[in-house]
């Protein structure tokens, strides 16, 4: 197992961001250029299961994730329950500041033992992917301000 963290900042309220990140429809609206798609399978209150499709080097990887949102803690936990990286846990923690929200995303990456040599490349790809998502949200925020 490999544990790593990505950090970001978005000038929006923490609870707003938590709800936005937890809602799968924003993926198609903001992140579609990143070759990622999400198909919800089950949603009830703050628990959901979905399929994530991510195209990497021309190959589409599919994984099933269980997502639990903890609004009172400003936290969301995604566990890969099937597919590539099964057993991986991604914990998103938000901290509101006067300027916006600090984001800390900790990933406990789990790959089969025979893929140990892929841990570092998968970590680097995942960090870049996560930071790209944050960048997309900042660009979306600027578009919203320009419309006003």
N, C-alpha and C. Protein backbone atom coordinates (compact mmCIF):
# COMPACT_ATOMS: atom_id res chain seq x y z
N UNK A 1 0.85 -1.18 0.00
CA UNK A 1 0.00 0.00 0.00
C UNK A 1 0.89 1.23 0.00
N UNK A 2 0.44 2.26 -0.73
CA UNK A 2 1.16 3.52 -0.82
C UNK A 2 0.19 4.62 -0.42
N UNK A 3 0.61 5.52 0.47
CA UNK A 3 -0.24 6.62 0.92
C UNK A 3 0.37 7.93 0.44
N UNK A 4 -0.47 8.77 -0.15
CA UNK A 4 0.01 10.09 -0.59
C UNK A 4 -1.12 11.09 -0.48
N UNK A 5 -0.75 12.37 -0.53
CA UNK A 5 -1.70 13.46 -0.33
C UNK A 5 -1.57 14.50 -1.43
N UNK A 6 -2.70 15.04 -1.84
CA UNK A 6 -2.75 16.18 -2.76
C UNK A 6 -3.50 17.29 -2.04
N UNK A 7 -3.04 18.53 -2.23
CA UNK A 7 -3.69 19.66 -1.57
C UNK A 7 -4.06 20.71 -2.59
N UNK A 8 -5.15 21.42 -2.30
CA UNK A 8 -5.60 22.47 -3.19
C UNK A 8 -6.38 23.51 -2.42
N UNK A 9 -6.79 24.55 -3.13
CA UNK A 9 -7.58 25.63 -2.55
C UNK A 9 -8.56 26.11 -3.61
N UNK A 10 -9.83 26.27 -3.22
CA UNK A 10 -10.85 26.81 -4.11
C UNK A 10 -11.61 27.89 -3.33
N UNK A 11 -11.77 29.08 -3.91
CA UNK A 11 -12.43 30.18 -3.19
C UNK A 11 -13.96 30.05 -3.17
N UNK A 12 -14.42 28.99 -2.57
CA UNK A 12 -15.86 28.73 -2.39
C UNK A 12 -16.07 28.17 -0.99
N UNK A 13 -17.29 28.26 -0.45
CA UNK A 13 -17.57 27.68 0.87
C UNK A 13 -17.39 26.15 0.87
N UNK A 14 -16.92 25.63 1.98
CA UNK A 14 -16.60 24.20 2.10
C UNK A 14 -17.82 23.30 1.87
N UNK A 15 -18.94 23.61 2.48
CA UNK A 15 -20.12 22.74 2.34
C UNK A 15 -20.62 22.74 0.89
N UNK A 16 -20.56 23.90 0.23
CA UNK A 16 -20.93 23.97 -1.18
C UNK A 16 -20.03 23.04 -2.00
N UNK A 17 -18.72 23.09 -1.77
CA UNK A 17 -17.79 22.23 -2.51
C UNK A 17 -18.01 20.76 -2.21
N UNK A 18 -18.25 20.44 -0.95
CA UNK A 18 -18.49 19.05 -0.59
C UNK A 18 -19.69 18.49 -1.37
N UNK A 19 -20.77 19.24 -1.41
CA UNK A 19 -21.96 18.80 -2.13
C UNK A 19 -21.69 18.72 -3.64
N UNK A 20 -20.92 19.68 -4.16
CA UNK A 20 -20.58 19.67 -5.58
C UNK A 20 -19.74 18.44 -5.92
N UNK A 21 -18.72 18.18 -5.13
CA UNK A 21 -17.84 17.03 -5.38
C UNK A 21 -18.61 15.72 -5.27
N UNK A 22 -19.58 15.66 -4.37
CA UNK A 22 -20.34 14.43 -4.16
C UNK A 22 -21.37 14.18 -5.25
N UNK A 23 -21.75 15.22 -5.97
CA UNK A 23 -22.77 15.11 -7.03
C UNK A 23 -22.10 14.73 -8.34
N UNK A 24 -22.46 13.59 -8.88
CA UNK A 24 -21.78 13.06 -10.06
C UNK A 24 -22.01 13.86 -11.34
N UNK A 25 -23.09 14.64 -11.41
CA UNK A 25 -23.37 15.36 -12.65
C UNK A 25 -22.31 16.40 -12.97
N UNK A 26 -21.59 16.89 -11.97
CA UNK A 26 -20.57 17.91 -12.24
C UNK A 26 -19.39 17.34 -13.03
N UNK A 27 -19.18 16.04 -12.98
CA UNK A 27 -18.04 15.44 -13.70
C UNK A 27 -18.18 15.68 -15.21
N UNK A 28 -19.35 15.42 -15.78
CA UNK A 28 -19.56 15.63 -17.21
C UNK A 28 -19.50 17.11 -17.57
N UNK A 29 -19.98 17.97 -16.68
CA UNK A 29 -20.02 19.40 -16.96
C UNK A 29 -18.65 20.05 -16.90
N UNK A 30 -17.82 19.65 -15.94
CA UNK A 30 -16.56 20.35 -15.71
C UNK A 30 -15.34 19.55 -16.16
N UNK A 31 -15.38 18.22 -16.06
CA UNK A 31 -14.17 17.42 -16.26
C UNK A 31 -14.17 16.53 -17.50
N UNK A 32 -15.15 16.67 -18.39
CA UNK A 32 -15.26 15.72 -19.51
C UNK A 32 -14.01 15.70 -20.40
N UNK A 33 -13.29 16.81 -20.50
CA UNK A 33 -12.08 16.83 -21.34
C UNK A 33 -10.95 15.98 -20.78
N UNK A 34 -11.10 15.46 -19.58
CA UNK A 34 -10.07 14.63 -18.95
C UNK A 34 -10.27 13.14 -19.21
N UNK A 35 -11.15 12.79 -20.14
CA UNK A 35 -11.41 11.38 -20.47
C UNK A 35 -11.87 10.59 -19.25
N UNK A 36 -12.85 11.14 -18.56
CA UNK A 36 -13.42 10.48 -17.39
C UNK A 36 -14.94 10.58 -17.46
N UNK A 37 -15.61 9.48 -17.11
CA UNK A 37 -17.06 9.42 -17.09
C UNK A 37 -17.49 8.71 -15.81
N UNK A 38 -18.66 9.05 -15.33
CA UNK A 38 -19.19 8.43 -14.12
C UNK A 38 -20.62 7.98 -14.39
N UNK A 39 -20.93 6.76 -13.94
CA UNK A 39 -22.29 6.23 -14.06
C UNK A 39 -22.77 5.84 -12.66
N UNK A 40 -23.68 6.62 -12.07
CA UNK A 40 -24.22 6.26 -10.75
C UNK A 40 -25.04 4.97 -10.83
N UNK A 41 -24.83 4.09 -9.86
CA UNK A 41 -25.59 2.84 -9.77
C UNK A 41 -26.59 2.87 -8.63
N UNK A 42 -26.25 3.60 -7.57
CA UNK A 42 -27.10 3.68 -6.38
C UNK A 42 -26.81 4.99 -5.68
N UNK A 43 -27.86 5.71 -5.28
CA UNK A 43 -27.70 6.95 -4.53
C UNK A 43 -28.82 7.06 -3.52
N UNK A 44 -28.46 7.23 -2.26
CA UNK A 44 -29.44 7.48 -1.22
C UNK A 44 -28.77 8.29 -0.12
N UNK A 45 -29.34 9.47 0.13
CA UNK A 45 -28.80 10.38 1.14
C UNK A 45 -27.32 10.64 0.85
N UNK A 46 -26.45 10.31 1.79
CA UNK A 46 -25.02 10.60 1.65
C UNK A 46 -24.20 9.37 1.27
N UNK A 47 -24.85 8.35 0.72
CA UNK A 47 -24.17 7.13 0.31
C UNK A 47 -24.49 6.86 -1.15
N UNK A 48 -23.45 6.50 -1.91
CA UNK A 48 -23.68 6.17 -3.31
C UNK A 48 -22.65 5.16 -3.80
N UNK A 49 -23.01 4.51 -4.89
CA UNK A 49 -22.10 3.59 -5.58
C UNK A 49 -22.14 3.98 -7.05
N UNK A 50 -20.98 4.04 -7.65
CA UNK A 50 -20.95 4.41 -9.07
C UNK A 50 -19.81 3.68 -9.77
N UNK A 51 -19.88 3.71 -11.10
CA UNK A 51 -18.80 3.22 -11.94
C UNK A 51 -18.03 4.43 -12.47
N UNK A 52 -16.72 4.41 -12.32
CA UNK A 52 -15.85 5.43 -12.88
C UNK A 52 -15.16 4.82 -14.09
N UNK A 53 -15.19 5.53 -15.19
CA UNK A 53 -14.49 5.14 -16.41
C UNK A 53 -13.39 6.18 -16.64
N UNK A 54 -12.14 5.74 -16.65
CA UNK A 54 -11.02 6.65 -16.86
C UNK A 54 -10.17 6.09 -17.99
N UNK A 55 -9.95 6.91 -19.01
CA UNK A 55 -9.15 6.48 -20.16
C UNK A 55 -7.70 6.92 -19.92
N UNK A 56 -6.80 5.93 -19.88
CA UNK A 56 -5.38 6.18 -19.65
C UNK A 56 -4.60 5.47 -20.75
N UNK A 57 -3.77 6.23 -21.46
CA UNK A 57 -2.96 5.67 -22.55
C UNK A 57 -3.82 4.88 -23.54
N UNK A 58 -5.01 5.38 -23.81
CA UNK A 58 -5.89 4.76 -24.79
C UNK A 58 -6.70 3.58 -24.28
N UNK A 59 -6.49 3.21 -23.02
CA UNK A 59 -7.20 2.08 -22.43
C UNK A 59 -8.16 2.60 -21.36
N UNK A 60 -9.42 2.20 -21.46
CA UNK A 60 -10.41 2.63 -20.47
C UNK A 60 -10.40 1.67 -19.29
N UNK A 61 -10.16 2.22 -18.13
CA UNK A 61 -10.19 1.46 -16.87
C UNK A 61 -11.54 1.71 -16.20
N UNK A 62 -12.12 0.68 -15.65
CA UNK A 62 -13.41 0.81 -14.97
C UNK A 62 -13.22 0.38 -13.52
N UNK A 63 -13.77 1.18 -12.63
CA UNK A 63 -13.76 0.78 -11.22
C UNK A 63 -15.09 1.16 -10.59
N UNK A 64 -15.50 0.39 -9.61
CA UNK A 64 -16.73 0.66 -8.87
C UNK A 64 -16.33 1.26 -7.53
N UNK A 65 -16.97 2.38 -7.19
CA UNK A 65 -16.63 3.05 -5.93
C UNK A 65 -17.84 3.24 -5.04
N UNK A 66 -17.60 3.05 -3.77
CA UNK A 66 -18.57 3.37 -2.72
C UNK A 66 -18.18 4.74 -2.18
N UNK A 67 -19.13 5.66 -2.16
CA UNK A 67 -18.86 7.01 -1.66
C UNK A 67 -19.74 7.29 -0.46
N UNK A 68 -19.13 7.78 0.61
CA UNK A 68 -19.88 8.19 1.79
C UNK A 68 -19.48 9.63 2.11
N UNK A 69 -20.49 10.50 2.24
CA UNK A 69 -20.26 11.91 2.53
C UNK A 69 -20.61 12.15 4.00
N UNK A 70 -19.72 12.87 4.67
CA UNK A 70 -19.91 13.23 6.08
C UNK A 70 -19.99 14.75 6.17
N UNK A 71 -21.19 15.33 5.95
CA UNK A 71 -21.31 16.80 5.91
C UNK A 71 -20.86 17.49 7.21
N UNK A 72 -21.17 16.88 8.34
CA UNK A 72 -20.82 17.52 9.62
C UNK A 72 -19.30 17.59 9.83
N UNK A 73 -18.56 16.72 9.17
CA UNK A 73 -17.10 16.71 9.27
C UNK A 73 -16.43 17.35 8.05
N UNK A 74 -17.23 17.79 7.08
CA UNK A 74 -16.72 18.33 5.80
C UNK A 74 -15.74 17.34 5.18
N UNK A 75 -16.22 16.10 5.05
CA UNK A 75 -15.36 15.00 4.58
C UNK A 75 -16.14 14.08 3.66
N UNK A 76 -15.41 13.46 2.73
CA UNK A 76 -16.00 12.48 1.83
C UNK A 76 -14.98 11.35 1.67
N UNK A 77 -15.46 10.11 1.72
CA UNK A 77 -14.59 8.94 1.57
C UNK A 77 -15.08 8.11 0.40
N UNK A 78 -14.16 7.81 -0.51
CA UNK A 78 -14.45 6.94 -1.66
C UNK A 78 -13.59 5.70 -1.54
N UNK A 79 -14.22 4.55 -1.58
CA UNK A 79 -13.48 3.29 -1.57
C UNK A 79 -13.73 2.56 -2.87
N UNK A 80 -12.64 2.15 -3.52
CA UNK A 80 -12.75 1.37 -4.74
C UNK A 80 -13.08 -0.06 -4.32
N UNK A 81 -14.29 -0.51 -4.66
CA UNK A 81 -14.75 -1.82 -4.20
C UNK A 81 -14.63 -2.89 -5.28
N UNK A 82 -14.33 -2.46 -6.52
CA UNK A 82 -14.17 -3.43 -7.60
C UNK A 82 -13.42 -2.75 -8.74
N UNK A 83 -12.59 -3.50 -9.43
CA UNK A 83 -11.86 -2.97 -10.56
C UNK A 83 -10.43 -2.59 -10.19
N UNK A 84 -9.80 -1.81 -11.07
CA UNK A 84 -8.41 -1.42 -10.86
C UNK A 84 -8.26 -0.65 -9.55
N UNK A 85 -7.32 -1.07 -8.73
CA UNK A 85 -7.10 -0.40 -7.45
C UNK A 85 -8.08 -0.79 -6.37
N UNK A 86 -8.72 -1.95 -6.51
CA UNK A 86 -9.68 -2.39 -5.49
C UNK A 86 -9.05 -2.33 -4.11
N UNK A 87 -9.77 -1.74 -3.16
CA UNK A 87 -9.26 -1.57 -1.81
C UNK A 87 -8.65 -0.20 -1.57
N UNK A 88 -8.50 0.59 -2.63
CA UNK A 88 -7.97 1.95 -2.49
C UNK A 88 -9.01 2.82 -1.80
N UNK A 89 -8.54 3.65 -0.87
CA UNK A 89 -9.42 4.57 -0.15
C UNK A 89 -8.93 5.99 -0.39
N UNK A 90 -9.84 6.85 -0.82
CA UNK A 90 -9.56 8.25 -1.12
C UNK A 90 -10.40 9.09 -0.16
N UNK A 91 -9.73 9.83 0.72
CA UNK A 91 -10.43 10.64 1.72
C UNK A 91 -10.22 12.12 1.41
N UNK A 92 -11.31 12.81 1.18
CA UNK A 92 -11.29 14.24 0.89
C UNK A 92 -11.73 14.98 2.15
N UNK A 93 -10.89 15.89 2.64
CA UNK A 93 -11.20 16.67 3.83
C UNK A 93 -11.14 18.15 3.47
N UNK A 94 -12.16 18.89 3.87
CA UNK A 94 -12.23 20.32 3.55
C UNK A 94 -12.11 21.14 4.83
N UNK A 95 -11.44 22.28 4.71
CA UNK A 95 -11.32 23.21 5.84
C UNK A 95 -11.64 24.60 5.33
N UNK A 96 -12.71 25.17 5.89
CA UNK A 96 -13.12 26.50 5.44
C UNK A 96 -12.24 27.57 6.06
N UNK A 97 -11.88 28.56 5.24
CA UNK A 97 -11.11 29.73 5.67
C UNK A 97 -11.89 30.96 5.23
N UNK A 98 -11.51 32.15 5.69
CA UNK A 98 -12.21 33.35 5.23
C UNK A 98 -12.13 33.56 3.71
N UNK A 99 -11.08 33.05 3.07
CA UNK A 99 -10.90 33.22 1.63
C UNK A 99 -11.54 32.11 0.79
N UNK A 100 -11.88 31.01 1.40
CA UNK A 100 -12.44 29.88 0.66
C UNK A 100 -12.19 28.58 1.40
N UNK A 101 -11.82 27.54 0.65
CA UNK A 101 -11.69 26.21 1.24
C UNK A 101 -10.36 25.56 0.90
N UNK A 102 -9.68 25.10 1.94
CA UNK A 102 -8.46 24.30 1.77
C UNK A 102 -8.89 22.85 1.61
N UNK A 103 -8.31 22.19 0.63
CA UNK A 103 -8.68 20.81 0.32
C UNK A 103 -7.48 19.91 0.56
N UNK A 104 -7.70 18.84 1.29
CA UNK A 104 -6.67 17.81 1.47
C UNK A 104 -7.27 16.49 1.04
N UNK A 105 -6.60 15.85 0.11
CA UNK A 105 -7.08 14.57 -0.40
C UNK A 105 -5.99 13.53 -0.14
N UNK A 106 -6.28 12.57 0.71
CA UNK A 106 -5.33 11.52 1.05
C UNK A 106 -5.78 10.22 0.39
N UNK A 107 -4.86 9.62 -0.34
CA UNK A 107 -5.16 8.39 -1.05
C UNK A 107 -4.33 7.25 -0.48
N UNK A 108 -5.01 6.18 -0.09
CA UNK A 108 -4.36 4.95 0.34
C UNK A 108 -4.48 4.00 -0.84
N UNK A 109 -3.45 4.00 -1.69
CA UNK A 109 -3.46 3.24 -2.92
C UNK A 109 -3.15 1.78 -2.66
N UNK A 110 -4.01 0.92 -3.16
CA UNK A 110 -3.80 -0.51 -2.98
C UNK A 110 -3.81 -1.18 -4.35
N UNK A 111 -2.71 -1.79 -4.71
CA UNK A 111 -2.61 -2.55 -5.94
C UNK A 111 -2.22 -3.98 -5.59
N UNK A 112 -2.51 -4.93 -6.47
CA UNK A 112 -2.06 -6.31 -6.20
C UNK A 112 -0.53 -6.35 -6.04
N UNK A 113 -0.04 -7.25 -5.23
CA UNK A 113 1.39 -7.31 -4.92
C UNK A 113 2.27 -7.40 -6.17
N UNK A 114 1.79 -8.08 -7.20
CA UNK A 114 2.60 -8.25 -8.41
C UNK A 114 2.68 -6.96 -9.24
N UNK A 115 1.91 -5.93 -8.87
CA UNK A 115 1.98 -4.63 -9.56
C UNK A 115 2.71 -3.59 -8.71
N UNK A 116 3.53 -4.04 -7.77
CA UNK A 116 4.25 -3.11 -6.90
C UNK A 116 5.02 -2.06 -7.70
N UNK A 117 5.53 -2.44 -8.85
CA UNK A 117 6.33 -1.55 -9.68
C UNK A 117 5.50 -0.42 -10.30
N UNK A 118 4.16 -0.54 -10.23
CA UNK A 118 3.28 0.50 -10.78
C UNK A 118 2.86 1.53 -9.73
N UNK A 119 3.19 1.30 -8.47
CA UNK A 119 2.71 2.20 -7.42
C UNK A 119 3.12 3.65 -7.65
N UNK A 120 4.38 3.91 -7.91
CA UNK A 120 4.85 5.28 -8.09
C UNK A 120 4.23 5.93 -9.32
N UNK A 121 4.22 5.27 -10.50
CA UNK A 121 3.56 5.89 -11.65
C UNK A 121 2.06 6.15 -11.43
N UNK A 122 1.38 5.21 -10.75
CA UNK A 122 -0.05 5.41 -10.47
C UNK A 122 -0.22 6.58 -9.50
N UNK A 123 0.66 6.69 -8.50
CA UNK A 123 0.61 7.83 -7.58
C UNK A 123 0.77 9.14 -8.34
N UNK A 124 1.76 9.24 -9.21
CA UNK A 124 2.01 10.48 -9.96
C UNK A 124 0.82 10.81 -10.86
N UNK A 125 0.27 9.81 -11.54
CA UNK A 125 -0.89 10.03 -12.39
C UNK A 125 -2.07 10.52 -11.56
N UNK A 126 -2.30 9.87 -10.42
CA UNK A 126 -3.45 10.20 -9.57
C UNK A 126 -3.32 11.62 -9.02
N UNK A 127 -2.13 12.00 -8.55
CA UNK A 127 -1.92 13.36 -8.05
C UNK A 127 -2.21 14.38 -9.15
N UNK A 128 -1.68 14.14 -10.34
CA UNK A 128 -1.91 15.05 -11.46
C UNK A 128 -3.40 15.12 -11.80
N UNK A 129 -4.07 13.99 -11.76
CA UNK A 129 -5.50 13.90 -12.05
C UNK A 129 -6.29 14.72 -11.02
N UNK A 130 -5.99 14.53 -9.73
CA UNK A 130 -6.70 15.23 -8.65
C UNK A 130 -6.47 16.74 -8.78
N UNK A 131 -5.21 17.15 -8.95
CA UNK A 131 -4.90 18.57 -9.06
C UNK A 131 -5.55 19.17 -10.31
N UNK A 132 -5.66 18.38 -11.37
CA UNK A 132 -6.36 18.83 -12.57
C UNK A 132 -7.84 19.08 -12.30
N UNK A 133 -8.44 18.22 -11.48
CA UNK A 133 -9.85 18.43 -11.10
C UNK A 133 -9.99 19.76 -10.36
N UNK A 134 -9.07 20.05 -9.42
CA UNK A 134 -9.13 21.32 -8.68
C UNK A 134 -8.99 22.50 -9.65
N UNK A 135 -8.08 22.37 -10.60
CA UNK A 135 -7.87 23.42 -11.59
C UNK A 135 -9.14 23.64 -12.42
N UNK A 136 -9.81 22.57 -12.79
CA UNK A 136 -11.07 22.68 -13.53
C UNK A 136 -12.10 23.48 -12.73
N UNK A 137 -12.16 23.24 -11.42
CA UNK A 137 -13.12 23.96 -10.58
C UNK A 137 -12.77 25.44 -10.50
N UNK A 138 -11.48 25.77 -10.45
CA UNK A 138 -11.07 27.17 -10.44
C UNK A 138 -11.45 27.85 -11.75
N UNK A 139 -11.24 27.17 -12.87
CA UNK A 139 -11.63 27.73 -14.17
C UNK A 139 -13.15 27.91 -14.25
N UNK A 140 -13.90 26.96 -13.70
CA UNK A 140 -15.35 27.06 -13.68
C UNK A 140 -15.78 28.26 -12.84
N UNK A 141 -15.11 28.50 -11.74
CA UNK A 141 -15.39 29.64 -10.87
C UNK A 141 -15.14 30.96 -11.63
N UNK A 142 -14.05 31.02 -12.40
CA UNK A 142 -13.76 32.22 -13.18
C UNK A 142 -14.80 32.45 -14.27
N UNK A 143 -15.28 31.36 -14.89
CA UNK A 143 -16.33 31.48 -15.90
C UNK A 143 -17.62 32.03 -15.27
N UNK A 144 -17.93 31.52 -14.06
CA UNK A 144 -19.12 32.01 -13.37
C UNK A 144 -19.02 33.50 -13.07
N UNK A 145 -17.84 33.95 -12.63
CA UNK A 145 -17.64 35.38 -12.32
C UNK A 145 -17.73 36.21 -13.59
N UNK A 146 -17.22 35.70 -14.70
CA UNK A 146 -17.25 36.45 -15.95
C UNK A 146 -18.67 36.62 -16.48
N UNK A 147 -19.54 35.67 -16.17
CA UNK A 147 -20.93 35.73 -16.62
C UNK A 147 -21.71 36.81 -15.87
N UNK A 148 -21.28 37.14 -14.66
CA UNK A 148 -22.03 38.08 -13.81
C UNK A 148 -21.75 39.51 -14.16
